[in-house]
Amino acid sequence: MADNKTRLDVEFAGLLAASGVPVSEEERAELRKAYDTLCDLAKRVRTPGRDWTAKPMPSFAATPVAEPKE
């Protein structure tokens, strides 16, 4: 678990550095919360062998109903 936390710390710091956008400590804390939430979500929904481009759920569309003719 500690290795995962360290890895996420490094990834997050790298993302902030790569953005080149200056952020305050308050913004950094909020961004980190959002990043941790997204990482947690990704960990729960990703499955081994599933391509990252796969849709998370099937797409459903309603069948168009023919307009009544007057």
N, C-alpha and C. Protein backbone atom coordinates (compact mmCIF):
# COMPACT_ATOMS: atom_id res chain seq x y z
N MET A 1 0.83 -1.19 0.00
CA MET A 1 0.00 0.00 0.00
C MET A 1 0.87 1.25 0.00
N ALA A 2 1.95 1.23 0.77
CA ALA A 2 2.82 2.41 0.82
C ALA A 2 3.45 2.67 -0.53
N ASP A 3 3.82 1.60 -1.25
CA ASP A 3 4.40 1.77 -2.58
C ASP A 3 3.40 2.42 -3.52
N ASN A 4 2.13 2.02 -3.43
CA ASN A 4 1.10 2.59 -4.27
C ASN A 4 0.92 4.07 -3.95
N LYS A 5 0.93 4.43 -2.67
CA LYS A 5 0.79 5.82 -2.25
C LYS A 5 1.96 6.66 -2.78
N THR A 6 3.17 6.11 -2.67
CA THR A 6 4.35 6.80 -3.16
C THR A 6 4.27 6.98 -4.67
N ARG A 7 3.81 5.94 -5.36
CA ARG A 7 3.68 6.02 -6.83
C ARG A 7 2.68 7.09 -7.21
N LEU A 8 1.54 7.14 -6.50
CA LEU A 8 0.54 8.15 -6.79
C LEU A 8 1.05 9.55 -6.48
N ASP A 9 1.85 9.69 -5.41
CA ASP A 9 2.45 10.98 -5.08
C ASP A 9 3.34 11.47 -6.22
N VAL A 10 4.15 10.56 -6.74
CA VAL A 10 5.07 10.90 -7.83
C VAL A 10 4.29 11.25 -9.10
N GLU A 11 3.27 10.44 -9.41
CA GLU A 11 2.46 10.71 -10.60
C GLU A 11 1.76 12.06 -10.50
N PHE A 12 1.18 12.34 -9.34
CA PHE A 12 0.46 13.59 -9.16
C PHE A 12 1.41 14.79 -9.28
N ALA A 13 2.56 14.70 -8.64
CA ALA A 13 3.55 15.78 -8.73
C ALA A 13 3.99 15.97 -10.18
N GLY A 14 4.17 14.88 -10.90
CA GLY A 14 4.56 14.97 -12.30
C GLY A 14 3.50 15.63 -13.16
N LEU A 15 2.24 15.30 -12.90
CA LEU A 15 1.14 15.93 -13.65
C LEU A 15 1.08 17.43 -13.40
N LEU A 16 1.25 17.82 -12.14
CA LEU A 16 1.25 19.26 -11.83
C LEU A 16 2.42 19.97 -12.50
N ALA A 17 3.60 19.35 -12.42
CA ALA A 17 4.78 19.95 -13.04
C ALA A 17 4.62 20.04 -14.56
N ALA A 18 4.07 19.01 -15.17
CA ALA A 18 3.89 19.00 -16.63
C ALA A 18 2.87 20.04 -17.08
N SER A 19 1.91 20.35 -16.22
CA SER A 19 0.88 21.32 -16.60
C SER A 19 1.47 22.72 -16.71
N GLY A 20 2.47 23.01 -15.89
CA GLY A 20 3.08 24.33 -15.91
C GLY A 20 2.20 25.41 -15.31
N VAL A 21 1.12 25.01 -14.69
CA VAL A 21 0.18 25.97 -14.10
C VAL A 21 0.49 26.12 -12.61
N PRO A 22 0.73 27.33 -12.15
CA PRO A 22 0.99 27.50 -10.72
C PRO A 22 -0.30 27.29 -9.92
N VAL A 23 -0.22 26.52 -8.85
CA VAL A 23 -1.38 26.27 -8.02
C VAL A 23 -1.03 26.56 -6.56
N SER A 24 -2.01 27.06 -5.84
CA SER A 24 -1.81 27.32 -4.42
C SER A 24 -1.89 26.00 -3.66
N GLU A 25 -1.52 26.04 -2.39
CA GLU A 25 -1.60 24.82 -1.57
C GLU A 25 -3.04 24.34 -1.44
N GLU A 26 -3.98 25.28 -1.35
CA GLU A 26 -5.40 24.92 -1.26
C GLU A 26 -5.87 24.23 -2.54
N GLU A 27 -5.48 24.81 -3.69
CA GLU A 27 -5.84 24.20 -4.98
C GLU A 27 -5.19 22.83 -5.11
N ARG A 28 -3.95 22.73 -4.67
CA ARG A 28 -3.22 21.46 -4.75
C ARG A 28 -3.95 20.38 -3.95
N ALA A 29 -4.41 20.75 -2.76
CA ALA A 29 -5.12 19.78 -1.92
C ALA A 29 -6.43 19.33 -2.58
N GLU A 30 -7.16 20.27 -3.18
CA GLU A 30 -8.41 19.92 -3.86
C GLU A 30 -8.15 19.07 -5.09
N LEU A 31 -7.12 19.41 -5.86
CA LEU A 31 -6.77 18.62 -7.04
C LEU A 31 -6.35 17.22 -6.63
N ARG A 32 -5.63 17.11 -5.53
CA ARG A 32 -5.18 15.79 -5.07
C ARG A 32 -6.37 14.93 -4.66
N LYS A 33 -7.36 15.53 -4.01
CA LYS A 33 -8.56 14.78 -3.65
C LYS A 33 -9.26 14.26 -4.90
N ALA A 34 -9.38 15.12 -5.91
CA ALA A 34 -10.02 14.72 -7.16
C ALA A 34 -9.21 13.61 -7.85
N TYR A 35 -7.89 13.75 -7.85
CA TYR A 35 -7.01 12.75 -8.46
C TYR A 35 -7.15 11.40 -7.76
N ASP A 36 -7.16 11.43 -6.43
CA ASP A 36 -7.32 10.18 -5.67
C ASP A 36 -8.67 9.52 -5.95
N THR A 37 -9.71 10.34 -6.07
CA THR A 37 -11.05 9.81 -6.38
C THR A 37 -11.05 9.13 -7.75
N LEU A 38 -10.45 9.78 -8.74
CA LEU A 38 -10.40 9.20 -10.08
C LEU A 38 -9.55 7.92 -10.11
N CYS A 39 -8.45 7.91 -9.38
CA CYS A 39 -7.62 6.71 -9.31
C CYS A 39 -8.38 5.56 -8.66
N ASP A 40 -9.13 5.86 -7.60
CA ASP A 40 -9.92 4.84 -6.93
C ASP A 40 -11.00 4.29 -7.86
N LEU A 41 -11.67 5.17 -8.58
CA LEU A 41 -12.70 4.75 -9.54
C LEU A 41 -12.08 3.87 -10.62
N ALA A 42 -10.95 4.29 -11.16
CA ALA A 42 -10.29 3.51 -12.20
C ALA A 42 -9.90 2.12 -11.69
N LYS A 43 -9.44 2.06 -10.44
CA LYS A 43 -9.03 0.78 -9.86
C LYS A 43 -10.23 -0.16 -9.73
N ARG A 44 -11.40 0.40 -9.44
CA ARG A 44 -12.59 -0.44 -9.26
C ARG A 44 -13.20 -0.89 -10.57
N VAL A 45 -13.11 -0.09 -11.63
CA VAL A 45 -13.80 -0.45 -12.87
C VAL A 45 -12.92 -1.14 -13.90
N ARG A 46 -11.62 -1.00 -13.79
CA ARG A 46 -10.74 -1.66 -14.75
C ARG A 46 -10.63 -3.14 -14.43
N THR A 47 -10.64 -3.94 -15.47
CA THR A 47 -10.46 -5.37 -15.30
C THR A 47 -9.31 -5.82 -16.19
N PRO A 48 -8.55 -6.82 -15.74
CA PRO A 48 -7.43 -7.29 -16.55
C PRO A 48 -7.89 -7.74 -17.93
N GLY A 49 -7.14 -7.38 -18.95
CA GLY A 49 -7.45 -7.79 -20.30
C GLY A 49 -8.45 -6.91 -21.02
N ARG A 50 -9.05 -5.96 -20.33
CA ARG A 50 -10.02 -5.08 -20.97
C ARG A 50 -9.28 -3.87 -21.53
N ASP A 51 -9.47 -3.61 -22.80
CA ASP A 51 -8.81 -2.49 -23.46
C ASP A 51 -9.33 -1.17 -22.89
N TRP A 52 -8.45 -0.19 -22.77
CA TRP A 52 -8.86 1.09 -22.18
C TRP A 52 -9.85 1.84 -23.05
N THR A 53 -9.99 1.47 -24.33
CA THR A 53 -10.94 2.15 -25.21
C THR A 53 -12.33 1.53 -25.14
N ALA A 54 -12.48 0.41 -24.42
CA ALA A 54 -13.78 -0.25 -24.33
C ALA A 54 -14.77 0.64 -23.59
N LYS A 55 -15.99 0.66 -24.08
CA LYS A 55 -17.03 1.44 -23.41
C LYS A 55 -17.33 0.82 -22.05
N PRO A 56 -17.58 1.64 -21.03
CA PRO A 56 -17.87 1.09 -19.72
C PRO A 56 -19.19 0.35 -19.64
N MET A 57 -20.15 0.75 -20.43
CA MET A 57 -21.45 0.09 -20.42
C MET A 57 -21.97 0.04 -21.85
N PRO A 58 -22.87 -0.90 -22.13
CA PRO A 58 -23.45 -0.93 -23.48
C PRO A 58 -24.22 0.37 -23.76
N SER A 59 -24.25 0.74 -25.01
CA SER A 59 -25.00 1.93 -25.40
C SER A 59 -26.40 1.51 -25.82
N PHE A 60 -27.39 2.15 -25.26
CA PHE A 60 -28.77 1.86 -25.61
C PHE A 60 -29.40 3.12 -26.17
N ALA A 61 -30.18 2.95 -27.20
CA ALA A 61 -30.92 4.08 -27.78
C ALA A 61 -32.35 3.62 -28.01
N ALA A 62 -33.26 4.52 -27.75
CA ALA A 62 -34.67 4.20 -27.96
C ALA A 62 -34.95 4.03 -29.44
N THR A 63 -35.84 3.08 -29.76
CA THR A 63 -36.24 2.88 -31.14
C THR A 63 -37.21 3.99 -31.52
N PRO A 64 -36.95 4.69 -32.62
CA PRO A 64 -37.84 5.77 -33.01
C PRO A 64 -39.26 5.26 -33.29
N VAL A 65 -40.24 5.99 -32.84
CA VAL A 65 -41.63 5.63 -33.07
C VAL A 65 -42.10 6.38 -34.30
N ALA A 66 -42.79 5.66 -35.17
CA ALA A 66 -43.29 6.28 -36.40
C ALA A 66 -44.34 7.34 -36.03
N GLU A 67 -44.27 8.47 -36.69
CA GLU A 67 -45.23 9.55 -36.46
C GLU A 67 -46.59 9.14 -37.07
N PRO A 68 -47.66 9.35 -36.33
CA PRO A 68 -48.98 9.02 -36.90
C PRO A 68 -49.30 9.97 -38.05
N LYS A 69 -49.86 9.41 -39.12
CA LYS A 69 -50.24 10.23 -40.28
C LYS A 69 -51.66 10.73 -40.09
N GLU A 70 -51.86 11.98 -40.40
CA GLU A 70 -53.21 12.57 -40.22
C GLU A 70 -53.96 12.61 -41.51
